[in-house]
N, C-alpha and C. Protein backbone atom coordinates (compact mmCIF):
# COMPACT_ATOMS: atom_id res chain seq x y z
N UNK A 1 129.25 85.62 150.42
CA UNK A 1 130.33 85.86 151.35
C UNK A 1 130.30 87.34 151.77
N UNK A 2 130.49 87.61 153.05
CA UNK A 2 130.44 88.97 153.55
C UNK A 2 131.66 89.78 153.08
N UNK A 3 131.44 91.07 152.94
CA UNK A 3 132.46 91.98 152.42
C UNK A 3 133.48 92.39 153.50
N UNK A 4 133.04 92.45 154.75
CA UNK A 4 133.89 92.88 155.87
C UNK A 4 134.08 91.73 156.85
N UNK A 5 135.10 91.84 157.67
CA UNK A 5 135.46 90.77 158.61
C UNK A 5 135.42 91.26 160.06
N UNK A 6 135.24 90.33 160.98
CA UNK A 6 135.29 90.63 162.40
C UNK A 6 136.66 91.22 162.73
N UNK A 7 136.67 92.29 163.52
CA UNK A 7 137.90 92.96 163.91
C UNK A 7 138.24 94.16 163.05
N UNK A 8 137.58 94.30 161.91
CA UNK A 8 137.84 95.41 161.00
C UNK A 8 137.19 96.69 161.53
N UNK A 9 137.86 97.83 161.34
CA UNK A 9 137.30 99.14 161.71
C UNK A 9 136.60 99.70 160.48
N UNK A 10 135.37 100.17 160.69
CA UNK A 10 134.56 100.71 159.61
C UNK A 10 133.93 102.03 160.04
N UNK A 11 133.55 102.83 159.05
CA UNK A 11 132.76 104.03 159.33
C UNK A 11 131.39 103.82 158.73
N UNK A 12 130.40 104.56 159.26
CA UNK A 12 129.04 104.46 158.76
C UNK A 12 128.32 105.77 159.01
N UNK A 13 127.21 106.02 158.30
CA UNK A 13 126.46 107.26 158.51
C UNK A 13 125.98 107.36 159.95
N UNK A 14 125.89 108.58 160.46
CA UNK A 14 125.52 108.77 161.86
C UNK A 14 124.02 108.78 162.11
N UNK A 15 123.22 108.33 161.17
CA UNK A 15 121.78 108.14 161.34
C UNK A 15 121.08 109.41 161.81
N UNK A 16 121.36 110.52 161.18
CA UNK A 16 120.69 111.79 161.42
C UNK A 16 120.94 112.38 162.80
N UNK A 17 121.88 111.81 163.55
CA UNK A 17 122.22 112.34 164.86
C UNK A 17 123.43 113.24 164.72
N UNK A 18 123.33 114.44 165.25
CA UNK A 18 124.42 115.40 165.15
C UNK A 18 124.97 115.69 166.54
N UNK A 19 126.26 115.89 166.63
CA UNK A 19 126.88 116.26 167.90
C UNK A 19 127.48 115.08 168.61
N UNK A 20 127.56 115.19 169.92
CA UNK A 20 128.24 114.18 170.74
C UNK A 20 127.52 112.83 170.78
N UNK A 21 126.25 112.80 170.40
CA UNK A 21 125.50 111.54 170.42
C UNK A 21 125.65 110.75 169.12
N UNK A 22 126.31 111.31 168.15
CA UNK A 22 126.49 110.64 166.85
C UNK A 22 127.32 109.37 167.01
N UNK A 23 127.01 108.37 166.20
CA UNK A 23 127.79 107.14 166.14
C UNK A 23 128.30 107.07 164.72
N UNK A 24 129.62 107.18 164.53
CA UNK A 24 130.15 107.33 163.18
C UNK A 24 131.03 106.19 162.71
N UNK A 25 131.33 105.27 163.58
CA UNK A 25 132.16 104.15 163.19
C UNK A 25 132.40 103.22 164.35
N UNK A 26 133.00 102.08 164.03
CA UNK A 26 133.26 101.12 165.09
C UNK A 26 134.06 99.93 164.59
N UNK A 27 134.22 98.99 165.47
CA UNK A 27 134.93 97.75 165.17
C UNK A 27 133.91 96.63 165.06
N UNK A 28 133.97 95.88 163.98
CA UNK A 28 133.02 94.79 163.75
C UNK A 28 133.29 93.68 164.75
N UNK A 29 132.22 93.26 165.45
CA UNK A 29 132.33 92.18 166.43
C UNK A 29 131.62 90.91 165.97
N UNK A 30 130.71 91.03 164.99
CA UNK A 30 130.00 89.85 164.49
C UNK A 30 129.38 90.17 163.13
N UNK A 31 129.21 89.13 162.33
CA UNK A 31 128.57 89.24 161.01
C UNK A 31 127.36 88.32 161.03
N UNK A 32 126.19 88.87 160.64
CA UNK A 32 124.96 88.08 160.64
C UNK A 32 124.25 88.23 159.31
N UNK A 33 123.55 87.19 158.89
CA UNK A 33 122.75 87.25 157.67
C UNK A 33 121.48 88.04 157.94
N UNK A 34 121.03 88.81 156.93
CA UNK A 34 119.77 89.55 157.02
C UNK A 34 118.74 88.89 156.11
N UNK A 35 117.50 88.92 156.57
CA UNK A 35 116.39 88.35 155.81
C UNK A 35 115.25 89.36 155.73
N UNK A 36 114.38 89.19 154.74
CA UNK A 36 113.21 90.05 154.61
C UNK A 36 112.15 89.62 155.62
N UNK A 37 111.61 90.58 156.36
CA UNK A 37 110.57 90.29 157.34
C UNK A 37 109.29 89.81 156.67
N UNK A 38 108.58 88.92 157.36
CA UNK A 38 107.24 88.55 156.93
C UNK A 38 106.37 89.80 157.09
N UNK A 39 105.38 89.95 156.26
CA UNK A 39 104.51 91.13 156.30
C UNK A 39 103.90 91.33 157.69
N UNK A 40 103.48 90.26 158.34
CA UNK A 40 102.83 90.40 159.66
C UNK A 40 103.80 90.85 160.75
N UNK A 41 105.10 90.81 160.50
CA UNK A 41 106.09 91.24 161.49
C UNK A 41 106.61 92.66 161.23
N UNK A 42 106.19 93.27 160.14
CA UNK A 42 106.62 94.65 159.84
C UNK A 42 105.81 95.63 160.67
N UNK A 43 106.46 96.74 161.06
CA UNK A 43 105.77 97.82 161.76
C UNK A 43 105.89 99.09 160.93
N UNK A 44 104.92 99.98 161.13
CA UNK A 44 104.84 101.17 160.30
C UNK A 44 104.73 102.43 161.15
N UNK A 45 105.28 103.53 160.64
CA UNK A 45 105.08 104.85 161.25
C UNK A 45 103.64 105.27 161.01
N UNK A 46 103.17 106.28 161.71
CA UNK A 46 101.79 106.75 161.55
C UNK A 46 101.50 107.26 160.14
N UNK A 47 102.54 107.66 159.41
CA UNK A 47 102.33 108.13 158.03
C UNK A 47 102.32 106.99 157.02
N UNK A 48 102.41 105.75 157.48
CA UNK A 48 102.31 104.58 156.61
C UNK A 48 103.63 104.05 156.08
N UNK A 49 104.74 104.71 156.40
CA UNK A 49 106.05 104.27 155.93
C UNK A 49 106.56 103.15 156.84
N UNK A 50 107.07 102.09 156.22
CA UNK A 50 107.59 100.94 156.95
C UNK A 50 108.83 101.33 157.75
N UNK A 51 108.91 100.89 159.00
CA UNK A 51 110.05 101.20 159.86
C UNK A 51 111.28 100.38 159.51
N UNK A 52 111.12 99.36 158.74
CA UNK A 52 112.23 98.50 158.33
C UNK A 52 111.70 97.16 157.89
N UNK A 53 112.30 96.61 156.88
CA UNK A 53 111.79 95.33 156.39
C UNK A 53 112.83 94.23 156.43
N UNK A 54 113.90 94.44 157.22
CA UNK A 54 114.95 93.43 157.33
C UNK A 54 115.11 92.97 158.78
N UNK A 55 115.56 91.74 158.94
CA UNK A 55 115.80 91.18 160.27
C UNK A 55 116.95 90.19 160.21
N UNK A 56 117.59 89.97 161.33
CA UNK A 56 118.61 88.92 161.42
C UNK A 56 118.01 87.65 162.03
N UNK A 57 116.76 87.72 162.43
CA UNK A 57 116.08 86.58 163.03
C UNK A 57 115.29 85.83 161.95
N UNK A 58 115.81 84.71 161.54
CA UNK A 58 115.22 83.97 160.43
C UNK A 58 113.79 83.54 160.71
N UNK A 59 113.44 83.25 161.96
CA UNK A 59 112.08 82.82 162.29
C UNK A 59 111.04 83.92 162.08
N UNK A 60 111.44 85.20 162.02
CA UNK A 60 110.52 86.31 161.77
C UNK A 60 110.45 86.67 160.29
N UNK A 61 111.25 85.99 159.50
CA UNK A 61 111.38 86.35 158.09
C UNK A 61 110.62 85.41 157.17
N UNK A 62 110.56 85.81 155.91
CA UNK A 62 109.99 84.91 154.90
C UNK A 62 111.08 84.01 154.32
N UNK A 63 112.29 84.07 154.87
CA UNK A 63 113.40 83.21 154.46
C UNK A 63 114.24 83.74 153.32
N UNK A 64 113.88 84.90 152.78
CA UNK A 64 114.61 85.46 151.65
C UNK A 64 115.86 86.21 152.13
N UNK A 65 117.03 85.68 151.78
CA UNK A 65 118.32 86.28 152.16
C UNK A 65 118.50 87.61 151.44
N UNK A 66 118.86 88.68 152.19
CA UNK A 66 118.99 90.01 151.60
C UNK A 66 120.39 90.61 151.75
N UNK A 67 121.31 89.93 152.41
CA UNK A 67 122.66 90.47 152.58
C UNK A 67 123.14 90.24 154.00
N UNK A 68 124.14 91.03 154.38
CA UNK A 68 124.75 90.88 155.70
C UNK A 68 124.56 92.12 156.55
N UNK A 69 124.47 91.89 157.85
CA UNK A 69 124.41 92.95 158.83
C UNK A 69 125.61 92.76 159.77
N UNK A 70 126.16 93.86 160.22
CA UNK A 70 127.37 93.81 161.03
C UNK A 70 127.11 94.41 162.40
N UNK A 71 127.46 93.66 163.44
CA UNK A 71 127.38 94.16 164.80
C UNK A 71 128.70 94.89 165.06
N UNK A 72 128.61 96.14 165.45
CA UNK A 72 129.81 96.96 165.67
C UNK A 72 129.81 97.56 167.07
N UNK A 73 130.97 97.55 167.69
CA UNK A 73 131.17 98.29 168.94
C UNK A 73 131.68 99.65 168.51
N UNK A 74 130.91 100.70 168.82
CA UNK A 74 131.25 102.03 168.33
C UNK A 74 132.54 102.56 168.92
N UNK A 75 133.19 103.38 168.14
CA UNK A 75 134.40 104.10 168.58
C UNK A 75 133.93 105.51 168.90
N UNK A 76 134.12 105.92 170.14
CA UNK A 76 133.62 107.21 170.60
C UNK A 76 134.77 108.10 171.08
N UNK A 77 134.58 109.42 171.06
CA UNK A 77 135.59 110.32 171.62
C UNK A 77 135.77 110.04 173.12
N UNK A 78 136.90 110.45 173.64
CA UNK A 78 137.20 110.26 175.06
C UNK A 78 136.08 110.86 175.91
N UNK A 79 135.63 110.09 176.91
CA UNK A 79 134.58 110.55 177.80
C UNK A 79 133.19 110.05 177.41
N UNK A 80 133.05 109.36 176.29
CA UNK A 80 131.76 108.84 175.84
C UNK A 80 131.81 107.32 175.78
N UNK A 81 130.70 106.69 176.16
CA UNK A 81 130.59 105.24 176.20
C UNK A 81 130.42 104.65 174.80
N UNK A 82 131.06 103.53 174.55
CA UNK A 82 130.84 102.79 173.31
C UNK A 82 129.49 102.08 173.41
N UNK A 83 128.87 101.87 172.27
CA UNK A 83 127.61 101.15 172.19
C UNK A 83 127.74 100.04 171.15
N UNK A 84 126.80 99.13 171.18
CA UNK A 84 126.73 98.09 170.16
C UNK A 84 125.61 98.48 169.19
N UNK A 85 125.91 98.53 167.91
CA UNK A 85 124.92 98.87 166.89
C UNK A 85 124.98 97.83 165.78
N UNK A 86 123.87 97.69 165.06
CA UNK A 86 123.81 96.81 163.89
C UNK A 86 123.71 97.71 162.66
N UNK A 87 124.55 97.44 161.65
CA UNK A 87 124.60 98.27 160.45
C UNK A 87 124.60 97.37 159.22
N UNK A 88 123.79 97.74 158.21
CA UNK A 88 123.75 96.98 156.96
C UNK A 88 125.04 97.18 156.19
N UNK A 89 125.42 96.18 155.43
CA UNK A 89 126.68 96.18 154.70
C UNK A 89 126.84 97.38 153.77
N UNK A 90 125.78 97.77 153.06
CA UNK A 90 125.90 98.84 152.07
C UNK A 90 126.20 100.20 152.71
N UNK A 91 126.04 100.34 154.03
CA UNK A 91 126.31 101.60 154.71
C UNK A 91 127.75 101.70 155.23
N UNK A 92 128.53 100.64 155.14
CA UNK A 92 129.87 100.61 155.72
C UNK A 92 130.96 100.98 154.73
N UNK A 93 132.02 101.59 155.28
CA UNK A 93 133.25 101.87 154.53
C UNK A 93 134.42 101.49 155.42
N UNK A 94 135.47 100.94 154.82
CA UNK A 94 136.68 100.62 155.58
C UNK A 94 137.25 101.93 156.12
N UNK A 95 137.71 101.92 157.36
CA UNK A 95 138.24 103.13 157.99
C UNK A 95 139.34 102.75 158.97
N UNK A 96 139.75 103.73 159.76
CA UNK A 96 140.70 103.52 160.86
C UNK A 96 140.11 104.16 162.11
N UNK A 97 140.58 103.75 163.26
CA UNK A 97 140.11 104.34 164.52
C UNK A 97 140.39 105.84 164.53
N UNK A 98 141.54 106.24 164.04
CA UNK A 98 141.90 107.67 164.01
C UNK A 98 140.93 108.48 163.14
N UNK A 99 140.57 107.95 161.98
CA UNK A 99 139.63 108.66 161.10
C UNK A 99 138.25 108.79 161.74
N UNK A 100 137.80 107.74 162.42
CA UNK A 100 136.50 107.80 163.09
C UNK A 100 136.52 108.87 164.18
N UNK A 101 137.54 108.86 165.03
CA UNK A 101 137.66 109.85 166.11
C UNK A 101 137.73 111.26 165.52
N UNK A 102 138.51 111.46 164.47
CA UNK A 102 138.63 112.78 163.86
C UNK A 102 137.33 113.26 163.24
N UNK A 103 136.46 112.35 162.82
CA UNK A 103 135.19 112.75 162.22
C UNK A 103 134.27 113.44 163.22
N UNK A 104 134.47 113.25 164.52
CA UNK A 104 133.67 113.92 165.54
C UNK A 104 134.08 115.37 165.74
N UNK A 105 135.30 115.72 165.37
CA UNK A 105 135.84 117.05 165.66
C UNK A 105 135.13 118.18 164.93
N UNK A 106 134.44 117.88 163.83
CA UNK A 106 133.76 118.95 163.11
C UNK A 106 132.57 119.48 163.89
N UNK A 107 132.10 118.73 164.91
CA UNK A 107 130.96 119.17 165.72
C UNK A 107 131.40 119.77 167.05
N UNK A 108 132.69 119.74 167.32
CA UNK A 108 133.18 120.20 168.64
C UNK A 108 133.07 121.70 168.78
């Protein structure tokens, strides 16, 4: 059973992006199961590190369930467009819209 629910506001790491382009939280719009990718569907950086080994598309996976992924509509400061992002469950924390907006102020 998933830990978070559709409609809940969550915060998540900004994925190494600093400043106005950072995505720090959002509202969950969907919950999807994650699976481990088949080896032939994995891609690698030039240094040999795997770019990711999880997918929500079961047909690309080896069928091994690995947890939940959450589709979130980002909460952005005024003047910035919201985006849709997918975030793994272990990266999420329960939050509020106000806390997410205030988290951008340290870069202003």
